[in-house]
Amino acid sequence: AYGAFDTVEDAAQFIDDFGEDVVVKPVGLTGGKGVKIVGEHLEDAE
């Protein structure tokens, strides 16, 4: 399951609707350093 977004509002709505922990990734290249996971690097949905 995934969603791709270019507005903060739409992404926030997806996170709320999904209701479980998510992984947040920039669409482009970050040298393996852009991925953040709720429960590891991110505390919660907010």
Full PDB file with SEQRES, HELIX, SHEET, SSBOND, CRYST1, ORIGX, SCALE, CONECT and MASTER records, all heavy atoms in Angstrom:
SEQRES   1 A   46  ALA TYR GLY ALA PHE ASP THR VAL GLU ASP ALA ALA GLN          
SEQRES   2 A   46  PHE ILE ASP ASP PHE GLY GLU ASP VAL VAL VAL LYS PRO          
SEQRES   3 A   46  VAL GLY LEU THR GLY GLY LYS GLY VAL LYS ILE VAL GLY          
SEQRES   4 A   46  GLU HIS LEU GLU ASP ALA GLU                                  
HELIX    1 AA1 VAL A    8  PHE A   18  1                                  11    
SHEET    1 AA1 2 VAL A  23  VAL A  24  0                                        
SHEET    2 AA1 2 LYS A  36  ILE A  37 -1                                        
CRYST1    1.000    1.000    1.000  90.00  90.00  90.00 P 1           1          
ORIGX1      1.000000  0.000000  0.000000        0.00000                         
ORIGX2      0.000000  1.000000  0.000000        0.00000                         
ORIGX3      0.000000  0.000000  1.000000        0.00000                         
SCALE1      1.000000  0.000000  0.000000        0.00000                         
SCALE2      0.000000  1.000000  0.000000        0.00000                         
SCALE3      0.000000  0.000000  1.000000        0.00000                         
ATOM      1  N   ALA A   1       0.839  -1.197   0.000  1.00  0.00           N  
ATOM      2  CA  ALA A   1       0.000   0.000   0.000  1.00  0.00           C  
ATOM      3  C   ALA A   1       0.875   1.248   0.000  1.00  0.00           C  
ATOM      4  O   ALA A   1       1.887   1.317   0.709  1.00  0.00           O  
ATOM      5  CB  ALA A   1      -0.902  -0.001   1.229  1.00  0.00           C  
ATOM      6  N   TYR A   2       0.476   2.238  -0.810  1.00  0.00           N  
ATOM      7  CA  TYR A   2       1.278   3.460  -0.902  1.00  0.00           C  
ATOM      8  C   TYR A   2       0.405   4.614  -1.391  1.00  0.00           C  
ATOM      9  O   TYR A   2      -0.718   4.427  -1.876  1.00  0.00           O  
ATOM     10  CB  TYR A   2       2.441   3.262  -1.885  1.00  0.00           C  
ATOM     11  CG  TYR A   2       2.028   3.437  -3.325  1.00  0.00           C  
ATOM     12  CD1 TYR A   2       2.264   4.631  -3.995  1.00  0.00           C  
ATOM     13  CD2 TYR A   2       1.356   2.427  -4.012  1.00  0.00           C  
ATOM     14  CE1 TYR A   2       1.858   4.812  -5.311  1.00  0.00           C  
ATOM     15  CE2 TYR A   2       0.949   2.598  -5.327  1.00  0.00           C  
ATOM     16  CZ  TYR A   2       1.204   3.796  -5.966  1.00  0.00           C  
ATOM     17  OH  TYR A   2       0.786   3.978  -7.254  1.00  0.00           O  
ATOM     18  N   GLY A   3       0.976   5.806  -1.305  1.00  0.00           N  
ATOM     19  CA  GLY A   3       0.393   6.992  -1.919  1.00  0.00           C  
ATOM     20  C   GLY A   3       1.511   7.937  -2.317  1.00  0.00           C  
ATOM     21  O   GLY A   3       2.540   8.015  -1.634  1.00  0.00           O  
ATOM     22  N   ALA A   4       1.334   8.653  -3.443  1.00  0.00           N  
ATOM     23  CA  ALA A   4       2.317   9.638  -3.909  1.00  0.00           C  
ATOM     24  C   ALA A   4       1.649  11.011  -3.919  1.00  0.00           C  
ATOM     25  O   ALA A   4       0.535  11.160  -4.445  1.00  0.00           O  
ATOM     26  CB  ALA A   4       2.824   9.273  -5.294  1.00  0.00           C  
ATOM     27  N   PHE A   5       2.326  12.006  -3.349  1.00  0.00           N  
ATOM     28  CA  PHE A   5       1.680  13.307  -3.138  1.00  0.00           C  
ATOM     29  C   PHE A   5       2.650  14.452  -3.406  1.00  0.00           C  
ATOM     30  O   PHE A   5       3.850  14.333  -3.190  1.00  0.00           O  
ATOM     31  CB  PHE A   5       1.176  13.411  -1.697  1.00  0.00           C  
ATOM     32  CG  PHE A   5       0.317  12.249  -1.271  1.00  0.00           C  
ATOM     33  CD1 PHE A   5       0.876  11.190  -0.564  1.00  0.00           C  
ATOM     34  CD2 PHE A   5      -1.028  12.193  -1.607  1.00  0.00           C  
ATOM     35  CE1 PHE A   5       0.096  10.106  -0.177  1.00  0.00           C  
ATOM     36  CE2 PHE A   5      -1.810  11.115  -1.224  1.00  0.00           C  
ATOM     37  CZ  PHE A   5      -1.245  10.072  -0.518  1.00  0.00           C  
ATOM     38  N   ASP A   6       2.062  15.584  -3.864  1.00  0.00           N  
ATOM     39  CA  ASP A   6       2.869  16.795  -4.009  1.00  0.00           C  
ATOM     40  C   ASP A   6       2.297  17.951  -3.201  1.00  0.00           C  
ATOM     41  O   ASP A   6       2.724  19.092  -3.356  1.00  0.00           O  
ATOM     42  CB  ASP A   6       3.035  17.183  -5.483  1.00  0.00           C  
ATOM     43  CG  ASP A   6       1.706  17.280  -6.215  1.00  0.00           C  
ATOM     44  OD1 ASP A   6       0.661  17.380  -5.545  1.00  0.00           O  
ATOM     45  OD2 ASP A   6       1.719  17.272  -7.461  1.00  0.00           O  
ATOM     46  N   THR A   7       1.343  17.654  -2.321  1.00  0.00           N  
ATOM     47  CA  THR A   7       0.880  18.667  -1.366  1.00  0.00           C  
ATOM     48  C   THR A   7       0.891  18.068   0.029  1.00  0.00           C  
ATOM     49  O   THR A   7       0.614  16.872   0.217  1.00  0.00           O  
ATOM     50  CB  THR A   7      -0.541  19.168  -1.675  1.00  0.00           C  
ATOM     51  OG1 THR A   7      -1.489  18.145  -1.358  1.00  0.00           O  
ATOM     52  CG2 THR A   7      -0.681  19.589  -3.126  1.00  0.00           C  
ATOM     53  N   VAL A   8       1.205  18.911   0.996  1.00  0.00           N  
ATOM     54  CA  VAL A   8       1.252  18.469   2.400  1.00  0.00           C  
ATOM     55  C   VAL A   8      -0.136  18.028   2.858  1.00  0.00           C  
ATOM     56  O   VAL A   8      -0.280  17.029   3.578  1.00  0.00           O  
ATOM     57  CB  VAL A   8       1.787  19.608   3.294  1.00  0.00           C  
ATOM     58  CG1 VAL A   8       1.758  19.204   4.763  1.00  0.00           C  
ATOM     59  CG2 VAL A   8       3.198  20.008   2.877  1.00  0.00           C  
ATOM     60  N   GLU A   9      -1.154  18.736   2.409  1.00  0.00           N  
ATOM     61  CA  GLU A   9      -2.518  18.444   2.856  1.00  0.00           C  
ATOM     62  C   GLU A   9      -2.969  17.050   2.424  1.00  0.00           C  
ATOM     63  O   GLU A   9      -3.524  16.276   3.224  1.00  0.00           O  
ATOM     64  CB  GLU A   9      -3.492  19.492   2.313  1.00  0.00           C  
ATOM     65  CG  GLU A   9      -3.282  20.905   2.868  1.00  0.00           C  
ATOM     66  CD  GLU A   9      -2.058  21.617   2.295  1.00  0.00           C  
ATOM     67  OE1 GLU A   9      -1.575  21.197   1.214  1.00  0.00           O  
ATOM     68  OE2 GLU A   9      -1.579  22.571   2.942  1.00  0.00           O  
ATOM     69  N   ASP A  10      -2.727  16.713   1.158  1.00  0.00           N  
ATOM     70  CA  ASP A  10      -3.135  15.398   0.665  1.00  0.00           C  
ATOM     71  C   ASP A  10      -2.364  14.282   1.358  1.00  0.00           C  
ATOM     72  O   ASP A  10      -2.921  13.222   1.687  1.00  0.00           O  
ATOM     73  CB  ASP A  10      -2.925  15.303  -0.844  1.00  0.00           C  
ATOM     74  CG  ASP A  10      -3.927  16.155  -1.620  1.00  0.00           C  
ATOM     75  OD1 ASP A  10      -4.933  16.585  -1.024  1.00  0.00           O  
ATOM     76  OD2 ASP A  10      -3.690  16.389  -2.824  1.00  0.00           O  
ATOM     77  N   ALA A  11      -1.083  14.509   1.577  1.00  0.00           N  
ATOM     78  CA  ALA A  11      -0.267  13.502   2.257  1.00  0.00           C  
ATOM     79  C   ALA A  11      -0.738  13.296   3.691  1.00  0.00           C  
ATOM     80  O   ALA A  11      -0.826  12.161   4.175  1.00  0.00           O  
ATOM     81  CB  ALA A  11       1.207  13.917   2.232  1.00  0.00           C  
ATOM     82  N   ALA A  12      -1.037  14.410   4.367  1.00  0.00           N  
ATOM     83  CA  ALA A  12      -1.516  14.326   5.756  1.00  0.00           C  
ATOM     84  C   ALA A  12      -2.839  13.570   5.827  1.00  0.00           C  
ATOM     85  O   ALA A  12      -3.062  12.772   6.746  1.00  0.00           O  
ATOM     86  CB  ALA A  12      -1.653  15.727   6.341  1.00  0.00           C  
ATOM     87  N   GLN A  13      -3.708  13.797   4.854  1.00  0.00           N  
ATOM     88  CA  GLN A  13      -4.994  13.105   4.822  1.00  0.00           C  
ATOM     89  C   GLN A  13      -4.784  11.593   4.644  1.00  0.00           C  
ATOM     90  O   GLN A  13      -5.449  10.778   5.293  1.00  0.00           O  
ATOM     91  CB  GLN A  13      -5.856  13.645   3.676  1.00  0.00           C  
ATOM     92  CG  GLN A  13      -7.294  13.110   3.680  1.00  0.00           C  
ATOM     93  CD  GLN A  13      -8.065  13.577   4.904  1.00  0.00           C  
ATOM     94  OE1 GLN A  13      -8.155  14.773   5.191  1.00  0.00           O  
ATOM     95  NE2 GLN A  13      -8.621  12.622   5.654  1.00  0.00           N  
ATOM     96  N   PHE A  14      -3.839  11.224   3.789  1.00  0.00           N  
ATOM     97  CA  PHE A  14      -3.531   9.803   3.571  1.00  0.00           C  
ATOM     98  C   PHE A  14      -3.035   9.166   4.864  1.00  0.00           C  
ATOM     99  O   PHE A  14      -3.445   8.059   5.228  1.00  0.00           O  
ATOM    100  CB  PHE A  14      -2.481   9.652   2.474  1.00  0.00           C  
ATOM    101  CG  PHE A  14      -2.056   8.227   2.216  1.00  0.00           C  
ATOM    102  CD1 PHE A  14      -2.739   7.436   1.310  1.00  0.00           C  
ATOM    103  CD2 PHE A  14      -0.964   7.676   2.886  1.00  0.00           C  
ATOM    104  CE1 PHE A  14      -2.347   6.117   1.073  1.00  0.00           C  
ATOM    105  CE2 PHE A  14      -0.572   6.364   2.665  1.00  0.00           C  
ATOM    106  CZ  PHE A  14      -1.267   5.582   1.750  1.00  0.00           C  
ATOM    107  N   ILE A  15      -2.135   9.862   5.563  1.00  0.00           N  
ATOM    108  CA  ILE A  15      -1.593   9.334   6.823  1.00  0.00           C  
ATOM    109  C   ILE A  15      -2.704   9.119   7.835  1.00  0.00           C  
ATOM    110  O   ILE A  15      -2.773   8.080   8.511  1.00  0.00           O  
ATOM    111  CB  ILE A  15      -0.505  10.279   7.379  1.00  0.00           C  
ATOM    112  CG1 ILE A  15       0.732  10.258   6.461  1.00  0.00           C  
ATOM    113  CG2 ILE A  15      -0.108   9.895   8.802  1.00  0.00           C  
ATOM    114  CD1 ILE A  15       1.761  11.324   6.773  1.00  0.00           C  
ATOM    115  N   ASP A  16      -3.616  10.091   7.935  1.00  0.00           N  
ATOM    116  CA  ASP A  16      -4.741   9.962   8.885  1.00  0.00           C  
ATOM    117  C   ASP A  16      -5.670   8.816   8.494  1.00  0.00           C  
ATOM    118  O   ASP A  16      -6.085   8.015   9.337  1.00  0.00           O  
ATOM    119  CB  ASP A  16      -5.528  11.274   8.945  1.00  0.00           C  
ATOM    120  CG  ASP A  16      -4.768  12.382   9.661  1.00  0.00           C  
ATOM    121  OD1 ASP A  16      -3.864  12.050  10.461  1.00  0.00           O  
ATOM    122  OD2 ASP A  16      -5.064  13.567   9.411  1.00  0.00           O  
ATOM    123  N   ASP A  17      -5.984   8.730   7.215  1.00  0.00           N  
ATOM    124  CA  ASP A  17      -6.907   7.690   6.757  1.00  0.00           C  
ATOM    125  C   ASP A  17      -6.293   6.299   6.876  1.00  0.00           C  
ATOM    126  O   ASP A  17      -7.000   5.329   7.181  1.00  0.00           O  
ATOM    127  CB  ASP A  17      -7.319   7.936   5.297  1.00  0.00           C  
ATOM    128  CG  ASP A  17      -8.188   9.177   5.145  1.00  0.00           C  
ATOM    129  OD1 ASP A  17      -8.710   9.663   6.165  1.00  0.00           O  
ATOM    130  OD2 ASP A  17      -8.326   9.659   4.000  1.00  0.00           O  
ATOM    131  N   PHE A  18      -5.002   6.196   6.640  1.00  0.00           N  
ATOM    132  CA  PHE A  18      -4.343   4.891   6.680  1.00  0.00           C  
ATOM    133  C   PHE A  18      -4.360   4.328   8.097  1.00  0.00           C  
ATOM    134  O   PHE A  18      -4.600   3.133   8.302  1.00  0.00           O  
ATOM    135  CB  PHE A  18      -2.912   5.005   6.150  1.00  0.00           C  
ATOM    136  CG  PHE A  18      -2.254   3.689   5.877  1.00  0.00           C  
ATOM    137  CD1 PHE A  18      -2.732   2.848   4.876  1.00  0.00           C  
ATOM    138  CD2 PHE A  18      -1.167   3.270   6.626  1.00  0.00           C  
ATOM    139  CE1 PHE A  18      -2.135   1.627   4.624  1.00  0.00           C  
ATOM    140  CE2 PHE A  18      -0.563   2.045   6.379  1.00  0.00           C  
ATOM    141  CZ  PHE A  18      -1.045   1.221   5.377  1.00  0.00           C  
ATOM    142  N   GLY A  19      -4.075   5.185   9.072  1.00  0.00           N  
ATOM    143  CA  GLY A  19      -4.254   4.809  10.466  1.00  0.00           C  
ATOM    144  C   GLY A  19      -3.221   3.865  11.049  1.00  0.00           C  
ATOM    145  O   GLY A  19      -3.358   3.421  12.190  1.00  0.00           O  
ATOM    146  N   GLU A  20      -2.186   3.524  10.297  1.00  0.00           N  
ATOM    147  CA  GLU A  20      -1.116   2.660  10.802  1.00  0.00           C  
ATOM    148  C   GLU A  20       0.228   3.336  10.546  1.00  0.00           C  
ATOM    149  O   GLU A  20       0.308   4.355   9.860  1.00  0.00           O  
ATOM    150  CB  GLU A  20      -1.161   1.295  10.103  1.00  0.00           C  
ATOM    151  CG  GLU A  20      -2.447   0.510  10.381  1.00  0.00           C  
ATOM    152  CD  GLU A  20      -2.479  -0.809   9.638  1.00  0.00           C  
ATOM    153  OE1 GLU A  20      -1.390  -1.327   9.291  1.00  0.00           O  
ATOM    154  OE2 GLU A  20      -3.581  -1.328   9.380  1.00  0.00           O  
ATOM    155  N   ASP A  21       1.290   2.747  11.100  1.00  0.00           N  
ATOM    156  CA  ASP A  21       2.617   3.315  10.907  1.00  0.00           C  
ATOM    157  C   ASP A  21       2.987   3.320   9.419  1.00  0.00           C  
ATOM    158  O   ASP A  21       2.639   2.393   8.680  1.00  0.00           O  
ATOM    159  CB  ASP A  21       3.662   2.503  11.676  1.00  0.00           C  
ATOM    160  CG  ASP A  21       3.567   2.723  13.181  1.00  0.00           C  
ATOM    161  OD1 ASP A  21       2.825   3.630  13.593  1.00  0.00           O  
ATOM    162  OD2 ASP A  21       4.226   1.972  13.924  1.00  0.00           O  
ATOM    163  N   VAL A  22       3.687   4.375   9.019  1.00  0.00           N  
ATOM    164  CA  VAL A  22       4.055   4.529   7.614  1.00  0.00           C  
ATOM    165  C   VAL A  22       5.548   4.789   7.466  1.00  0.00           C  
ATOM    166  O   VAL A  22       6.255   5.075   8.442  1.00  0.00           O  
ATOM    167  CB  VAL A  22       3.278   5.688   6.946  1.00  0.00           C  
ATOM    168  CG1 VAL A  22       1.788   5.402   6.922  1.00  0.00           C  
ATOM    169  CG2 VAL A  22       3.572   7.019   7.655  1.00  0.00           C  
ATOM    170  N   VAL A  23       6.006   4.690   6.221  1.00  0.00           N  
ATOM    171  CA  VAL A  23       7.363   5.058   5.833  1.00  0.00           C  
ATOM    172  C   VAL A  23       7.254   6.268   4.909  1.00  0.00           C  
ATOM    173  O   VAL A  23       6.442   6.271   3.979  1.00  0.00           O  
ATOM    174  CB  VAL A  23       8.070   3.901   5.108  1.00  0.00           C  
ATOM    175  CG1 VAL A  23       9.479   4.301   4.697  1.00  0.00           C  
ATOM    176  CG2 VAL A  23       8.099   2.656   5.977  1.00  0.00           C  
ATOM    177  N   VAL A  24       8.053   7.298   5.157  1.00  0.00           N  
ATOM    178  CA  VAL A  24       8.021   8.521   4.355  1.00  0.00           C  
ATOM    179  C   VAL A  24       9.311   8.615   3.542  1.00  0.00           C  
ATOM    180  O   VAL A  24      10.416   8.522   4.090  1.00  0.00           O  
ATOM    181  CB  VAL A  24       7.864   9.768   5.243  1.00  0.00           C  
ATOM    182  CG1 VAL A  24       7.781  11.028   4.392  1.00  0.00           C  
ATOM    183  CG2 VAL A  24       6.634   9.643   6.137  1.00  0.00           C  
ATOM    184  N   LYS A  25       9.157   8.777   2.213  1.00  0.00           N  
ATOM    185  CA  LYS A  25      10.312   8.809   1.320  1.00  0.00           C  
ATOM    186  C   LYS A  25      10.202   9.988   0.361  1.00  0.00           C  
ATOM    187  O   LYS A  25       9.150  10.194  -0.243  1.00  0.00           O  
ATOM    188  CB  LYS A  25      10.372   7.536   0.465  1.00  0.00           C  
ATOM    189  CG  LYS A  25      10.504   6.230   1.219  1.00  0.00           C  
ATOM    190  CD  LYS A  25      10.514   5.057   0.248  1.00  0.00           C  
ATOM    191  CE  LYS A  25      10.719   3.730   0.952  1.00  0.00           C  
ATOM    192  NZ  LYS A  25      10.754   2.594  -0.014  1.00  0.00           N  
ATOM    193  N   PRO A  26      11.284  10.743   0.180  1.00  0.00           N  
ATOM    194  CA  PRO A  26      11.309  11.668  -0.955  1.00  0.00           C  
ATOM    195  C   PRO A  26      11.202  10.878  -2.252  1.00  0.00           C  
ATOM    196  O   PRO A  26      11.712   9.755  -2.347  1.00  0.00           O  
ATOM    197  CB  PRO A  26      12.680  12.340  -0.832  1.00  0.00           C  
ATOM    198  CG  PRO A  26      13.106  12.120   0.590  1.00  0.00           C  
ATOM    199  CD  PRO A  26      12.510  10.812   0.988  1.00  0.00           C  
ATOM    200  N   VAL A  27      10.565  11.449  -3.264  1.00  0.00           N  
ATOM    201  CA  VAL A  27      10.406  10.752  -4.539  1.00  0.00           C  
ATOM    202  C   VAL A  27      11.748  10.533  -5.230  1.00  0.00           C  
ATOM    203  O   VAL A  27      11.981   9.493  -5.851  1.00  0.00           O  
ATOM    204  CB  VAL A  27       9.433  11.532  -5.453  1.00  0.00           C  
ATOM    205  CG1 VAL A  27       9.558  11.085  -6.907  1.00  0.00           C  
ATOM    206  CG2 VAL A  27       8.004  11.335  -4.970  1.00  0.00           C  
ATOM    207  N   GLY A  28      12.650  11.509  -5.109  1.00  0.00           N  
ATOM    208  CA  GLY A  28      13.921  11.446  -5.833  1.00  0.00           C  
ATOM    209  C   GLY A  28      15.052  10.830  -5.042  1.00  0.00           C  
ATOM    210  O   GLY A  28      14.846  10.201  -3.995  1.00  0.00           O  
ATOM    211  N   LEU A  29      16.274  11.010  -5.548  1.00  0.00           N  
ATOM    212  CA  LEU A  29      17.459  10.382  -4.976  1.00  0.00           C  
ATOM    213  C   LEU A  29      17.963  11.130  -3.752  1.00  0.00           C  
ATOM    214  O   LEU A  29      18.042  12.362  -3.759  1.00  0.00           O  
ATOM    215  CB  LEU A  29      18.579  10.341  -6.029  1.00  0.00           C  
ATOM    216  CG  LEU A  29      18.276   9.574  -7.317  1.00  0.00           C  
ATOM    217  CD1 LEU A  29      19.423   9.751  -8.309  1.00  0.00           C  
ATOM    218  CD2 LEU A  29      18.021   8.110  -7.028  1.00  0.00           C  
ATOM    219  N   THR A  30      18.327  10.366  -2.718  1.00  0.00           N  
ATOM    220  CA  THR A  30      18.868  10.983  -1.498  1.00  0.00           C  
ATOM    221  C   THR A  30      20.089  10.237  -0.976  1.00  0.00           C  
ATOM    222  O   THR A  30      20.462  10.394   0.179  1.00  0.00           O  
ATOM    223  CB  THR A  30      17.798  11.027  -0.390  1.00  0.00           C  
ATOM    224  OG1 THR A  30      17.339   9.688  -0.127  1.00  0.00           O  
ATOM    225  CG2 THR A  30      16.630  11.904  -0.776  1.00  0.00           C  
ATOM    226  N   GLY A  31      20.693   9.395  -1.802  1.00  0.00           N  
ATOM    227  CA  GLY A  31      21.891   8.665  -1.378  1.00  0.00           C  
ATOM    228  C   GLY A  31      21.648   7.707  -0.234  1.00  0.00           C  
ATOM    229  O   GLY A  31      22.541   7.437   0.565  1.00  0.00           O  
ATOM    230  N   GLY A  32      20.436   7.176  -0.150  1.00  0.00           N  
ATOM    231  CA  GLY A  32      20.120   6.205   0.892  1.00  0.00           C  
ATOM    232  C   GLY A  32      19.860   6.809   2.256  1.00  0.00           C  
ATOM    233  O   GLY A  32      19.773   6.096   3.253  1.00  0.00           O  
ATOM    234  N   LYS A  33      19.716   8.151   2.312  1.00  0.00           N  
ATOM    235  CA  LYS A  33      19.598   8.808   3.611  1.00  0.00           C  
ATOM    236  C   LYS A  33      18.289   9.575   3.791  1.00  0.00           C  
ATOM    237  O   LYS A  33      18.137  10.315   4.750  1.00  0.00           O  
ATOM    238  CB  LYS A  33      20.779   9.762   3.820  1.00  0.00           C  
ATOM    239  CG  LYS A  33      22.149   9.086   3.723  1.00  0.00           C  
ATOM    240  CD  LYS A  33      23.269  10.087   3.942  1.00  0.00           C  
ATOM    241  CE  LYS A  33      24.642   9.444   3.801  1.00  0.00           C  
ATOM    242  NZ  LYS A  33      25.019   9.162   2.425  1.00  0.00           N  
ATOM    243  N   GLY A  34      17.311   9.385   2.882  1.00  0.00           N  
ATOM    244  CA  GLY A  34      16.092  10.187   2.978  1.00  0.00           C  
ATOM    245  C   GLY A  34      14.905   9.478   3.581  1.00  0.00           C  
ATOM    246  O   GLY A  34      13.893  10.112   3.879  1.00  0.00           O  
ATOM    247  N   VAL A  35      14.993   8.170   3.799  1.00  0.00           N  
ATOM    248  CA  VAL A  35      13.852   7.385   4.271  1.00  0.00           C  
ATOM    249  C   VAL A  35      13.724   7.508   5.785  1.00  0.00           C  
ATOM    250  O   VAL A  35      14.700   7.340   6.523  1.00  0.00           O  
ATOM    251  CB  VAL A  35      14.016   5.900   3.883  1.00  0.00           C  
ATOM    252  CG1 VAL A  35      12.881   5.069   4.451  1.00  0.00           C  
ATOM    253  CG2 VAL A  35      14.094   5.758   2.374  1.00  0.00           C  
ATOM    254  N   LYS A  36      12.492   7.784   6.249  1.00  0.00           N  
ATOM    255  CA  LYS A  36      12.233   7.823   7.693  1.00  0.00           C  
ATOM    256  C   LYS A  36      10.980   7.020   8.004  1.00  0.00           C  
ATOM    257  O   LYS A  36       9.996   7.069   7.262  1.00  0.00           O  
ATOM    258  CB  LYS A  36      12.102   9.257   8.193  1.00  0.00           C  
ATOM    259  CG  LYS A  36      13.418  10.038   8.112  1.00  0.00           C  
ATOM    260  CD  LYS A  36      13.380  11.326   8.896  1.00  0.00           C  
ATOM    261  CE  LYS A  36      14.724  12.045   8.829  1.00  0.00           C  
ATOM    262  NZ  LYS A  36      14.748  13.287   9.628  1.00  0.00           N  
ATOM    263  N   ILE A  37      11.048   6.276   9.106  1.00  0.00           N  
ATOM    264  CA  ILE A  37      10.017   5.307   9.453  1.00  0.00           C  
ATOM    265  C   ILE A  37       9.375   5.694  10.773  1.00  0.00           C  
ATOM    266  O   ILE A  37      10.077   5.965  11.764  1.00  0.00           O  
ATOM    267  CB  ILE A  37      10.637   3.896   9.568  1.00  0.00           C  
ATOM    268  CG1 ILE A  37      11.349   3.522   8.261  1.00  0.00           C  
ATOM    269  CG2 ILE A  37       9.585   2.860   9.925  1.00  0.00           C  
ATOM    270  CD1 ILE A  37      12.252   2.308   8.383  1.00  0.00           C  
ATOM    271  N   VAL A  38       8.033   5.696  10.801  1.00  0.00           N  
ATOM    272  CA  VAL A  38       7.322   5.919  12.059  1.00  0.00           C  
ATOM    273  C   VAL A  38       7.596   4.730  12.979  1.00  0.00           C  
ATOM    274  O   VAL A  38       7.455   3.571  12.585  1.00  0.00           O  
ATOM    275  CB  VAL A  38       5.803   6.082  11.822  1.00  0.00           C  
ATOM    276  CG1 VAL A  38       5.066   6.139  13.160  1.00  0.00           C  
ATOM    277  CG2 VAL A  38       5.512   7.342  11.016  1.00  0.00           C  
ATOM    278  N   GLY A  39       8.008   5.040  14.206  1.00  0.00           N  
ATOM    279  CA  GLY A  39       8.372   3.987  15.145  1.00  0.00           C  
ATOM    280  C   GLY A  39       9.871   3.805  15.256  1.00  0.00           C  
ATOM    281  O   GLY A  39      10.348   3.154  16.184  1.00  0.00           O  
ATOM    282  N   GLU A  40      10.606   4.398  14.311  1.00  0.00           N  
ATOM    283  CA  GLU A  40      12.078   4.368  14.379  1.00  0.00           C  
ATOM    284  C   GLU A  40      12.635   5.789  14.408  1.00  0.00           C  
ATOM    285  O   GLU A  40      13.164   6.245  15.405  1.00  0.00           O  
ATOM    286  CB  GLU A  40      12.664   3.576  13.211  1.00  0.00           C  
ATOM    287  CG  GLU A  40      12.455   2.074  13.319  1.00  0.00           C  
ATOM    288  CD  GLU A  40      13.275   1.319  12.284  1.00  0.00           C  
ATOM    289  OE1 GLU A  40      14.365   1.791  11.895  1.00  0.00           O  
ATOM    290  OE2 GLU A  40      12.814   0.241  11.856  1.00  0.00           O  
ATOM    291  N   HIS A  41      12.494   6.495  13.263  1.00  0.00           N  
ATOM    292  CA  HIS A  41      13.049   7.850  13.167  1.00  0.00           C  
ATOM    293  C   HIS A  41      11.987   8.908  13.406  1.00  0.00           C  
ATOM    294  O   HIS A  41      12.308  10.060  13.696  1.00  0.00           O  
ATOM    295  CB  HIS A  41      13.667   8.065  11.782  1.00  0.00           C  
ATOM    296  CG  HIS A  41      14.402   6.869  11.272  1.00  0.00           C  
ATOM    297  ND1 HIS A  41      13.818   5.924  10.464  1.00  0.00           N  
ATOM    298  CD2 HIS A  41      15.667   6.446  11.494  1.00  0.00           C  
ATOM    299  CE1 HIS A  41      14.691   4.977  10.199  1.00  0.00           C  
ATOM    300  NE2 HIS A  41      15.815   5.263  10.805  1.00  0.00           N  
ATOM    301  N   LEU A  42      10.733   8.531  13.260  1.00  0.00           N  
ATOM    302  CA  LEU A  42       9.611   9.446  13.464  1.00  0.00           C  
ATOM    303  C   LEU A  42       8.748   8.900  14.600  1.00  0.00           C  
ATOM    304  O   LEU A  42       8.460   7.701  14.638  1.00  0.00           O  
ATOM    305  CB  LEU A  42       8.779   9.562  12.174  1.00  0.00           C  
ATOM    306  CG  LEU A  42       9.547   9.994  10.916  1.00  0.00           C  
ATOM    307  CD1 LEU A  42       8.675   9.815   9.673  1.00  0.00           C  
ATOM    308  CD2 LEU A  42       9.996  11.453  11.041  1.00  0.00           C  
ATOM    309  N   GLU A  43       8.346   9.778  15.499  1.00  0.00           N  
ATOM    310  CA  GLU A  43       7.644   9.313  16.696  1.00  0.00           C  
ATOM    311  C   GLU A  43       6.227   8.842  16.399  1.00  0.00           C  
ATOM    312  O   GLU A  43       5.771   7.821  16.907  1.00  0.00           O  
ATOM    313  CB  GLU A  43       7.602  10.423  17.759  1.00  0.00           C  
ATOM    314  CG  GLU A  43       8.937  10.645  18.460  1.00  0.00           C  
ATOM    315  CD  GLU A  43       8.799  11.602  19.640  1.00  0.00           C  
ATOM    316  OE1 GLU A  43       7.658  11.828  20.093  1.00  0.00           O  
ATOM    317  OE2 GLU A  43       9.840  12.105  20.088  1.00  0.00           O  
ATOM    318  N   ASP A  44       5.514   9.627  15.580  1.00  0.00           N  
ATOM    319  CA  ASP A  44       4.099   9.323  15.371  1.00  0.00           C  
ATOM    320  C   ASP A  44       3.640   9.946  14.053  1.00  0.00           C  
ATOM    321  O   ASP A  44       4.445  10.461  13.271  1.00  0.00           O  
ATOM    322  CB  ASP A  44       3.260   9.848  16.543  1.00  0.00           C  
ATOM    323  CG  ASP A  44       3.545  11.316  16.853  1.00  0.00           C  
ATOM    324  OD1 ASP A  44       3.998  12.050  15.938  1.00  0.00           O  
ATOM    325  OD2 ASP A  44       3.314  11.746  17.999  1.00  0.00           O  
ATOM    326  N   ALA A  45       2.336   9.904  13.821  1.00  0.00           N  
ATOM    327  CA  ALA A  45       1.779  10.438  12.576  1.00  0.00           C  
ATOM    328  C   ALA A  45       2.065  11.928  12.413  1.00  0.00           C  
ATOM    329  O   ALA A  45       2.334  12.403  11.295  1.00  0.00           O  
ATOM    330  CB  ALA A  45       0.276  10.178  12.528  1.00  0.00           C  
ATOM    331  N   GLU A  46       2.001  12.681  13.507  1.00  0.00           N  
ATOM    332  CA  GLU A  46       2.274  14.124  13.414  1.00  0.00           C  
ATOM    333  C   GLU A  46       3.717  14.392  13.013  1.00  0.00           C  
ATOM    334  O   GLU A  46       3.994  15.297  12.223  1.00  0.00           O  
ATOM    335  CB  GLU A  46       1.951  14.804  14.761  1.00  0.00           C  
ATOM    336  CG  GLU A  46       0.469  14.858  15.080  1.00  0.00           C  
ATOM    337  CD  GLU A  46      -0.354  15.474  13.950  1.00  0.00           C  
ATOM    338  OE1 GLU A  46       0.021  16.579  13.480  1.00  0.00           O  
ATOM    339  OE2 GLU A  46      -1.340  14.845  13.522  1.00  0.00           O  
TER     340      GLU A  46                                                      
MASTER        0    0    0    1    2    0    0    6  339    1    0    4          
END                                                                             
